[in-house]
């Protein structure tokens, strides 16, 4: 089985966050390239 992928866009940092979910057991991982968000 292939993991389900969810793509989220954050317009403030102009970046994408990804969540991969295993359909077998529901385990998930989040891939977020933004370390910290700054207020400007």
C-alpha atoms as a PDB file:
ATOM      1  CA  UNK A   1       0.000   0.000   0.000  1.00  0.00           C
ATOM      2  CA  UNK A   2       1.135   3.526  -0.780  1.00  0.00           C
ATOM      3  CA  UNK A   3       0.828   6.305   1.807  1.00  0.00           C
ATOM      4  CA  UNK A   4      -1.821   8.964   1.406  1.00  0.00           C
ATOM      5  CA  UNK A   5      -0.338  12.430   0.916  1.00  0.00           C
ATOM      6  CA  UNK A   6      -1.853  15.736   1.940  1.00  0.00           C
ATOM      7  CA  UNK A   7      -0.381  19.027   0.702  1.00  0.00           C
ATOM      8  CA  UNK A   8      -0.996  22.262   2.609  1.00  0.00           C
ATOM      9  CA  UNK A   9       0.020  25.732   1.422  1.00  0.00           C
ATOM     10  CA  UNK A  10       0.941  28.561   3.811  1.00  0.00           C
ATOM     11  CA  UNK A  11       0.594  31.901   1.999  1.00  0.00           C
ATOM     12  CA  UNK A  12       2.406  33.804   4.756  1.00  0.00           C
ATOM     13  CA  UNK A  13       5.680  31.884   4.315  1.00  0.00           C
ATOM     14  CA  UNK A  14       4.861  30.935   0.685  1.00  0.00           C
ATOM     15  CA  UNK A  15       5.738  27.291   1.389  1.00  0.00           C
ATOM     16  CA  UNK A  16       4.131  23.868   1.284  1.00  0.00           C
ATOM     17  CA  UNK A  17       3.797  21.410   4.154  1.00  0.00           C
ATOM     18  CA  UNK A  18       3.231  17.731   3.438  1.00  0.00           C
ATOM     19  CA  UNK A  19       1.643  15.039   5.564  1.00  0.00           C
ATOM     20  CA  UNK A  20       2.078  11.377   4.641  1.00  0.00           C
ATOM     21  CA  UNK A  21      -0.298   8.885   6.265  1.00  0.00           C
ATOM     22  CA  UNK A  22       0.002   5.117   6.208  1.00  0.00           C
ATOM     23  CA  UNK A  23      -3.349   3.527   5.300  1.00  0.00           C
ATOM     24  CA  UNK A  24      -2.293   0.322   7.057  1.00  0.00           C
ATOM     25  CA  UNK A  25      -1.909   1.665  10.600  1.00  0.00           C
ATOM     26  CA  UNK A  26      -2.604   5.408  10.485  1.00  0.00           C
ATOM     27  CA  UNK A  27       0.987   6.383  11.298  1.00  0.00           C
ATOM     28  CA  UNK A  28       1.841   9.815   9.925  1.00  0.00           C
ATOM     29  CA  UNK A  29       4.814  12.060   9.250  1.00  0.00           C
ATOM     30  CA  UNK A  30       4.802  15.818   8.634  1.00  0.00           C
ATOM     31  CA  UNK A  31       7.386  17.429   6.341  1.00  0.00           C
ATOM     32  CA  UNK A  32       7.561  21.167   7.000  1.00  0.00           C
ATOM     33  CA  UNK A  33      10.464  23.119   5.472  1.00  0.00           C
ATOM     34  CA  UNK A  34       9.811  26.246   7.576  1.00  0.00           C
ATOM     35  CA  UNK A  35      11.827  26.256  10.799  1.00  0.00           C
ATOM     36  CA  UNK A  36      10.278  29.385  12.235  1.00  0.00           C
ATOM     37  CA  UNK A  37       7.740  31.893  11.042  1.00  0.00           C
ATOM     38  CA  UNK A  38       8.596  35.561  11.490  1.00  0.00           C
ATOM     39  CA  UNK A  39       6.182  38.463  11.824  1.00  0.00           C
ATOM     40  CA  UNK A  40       7.115  41.198   9.347  1.00  0.00           C
END
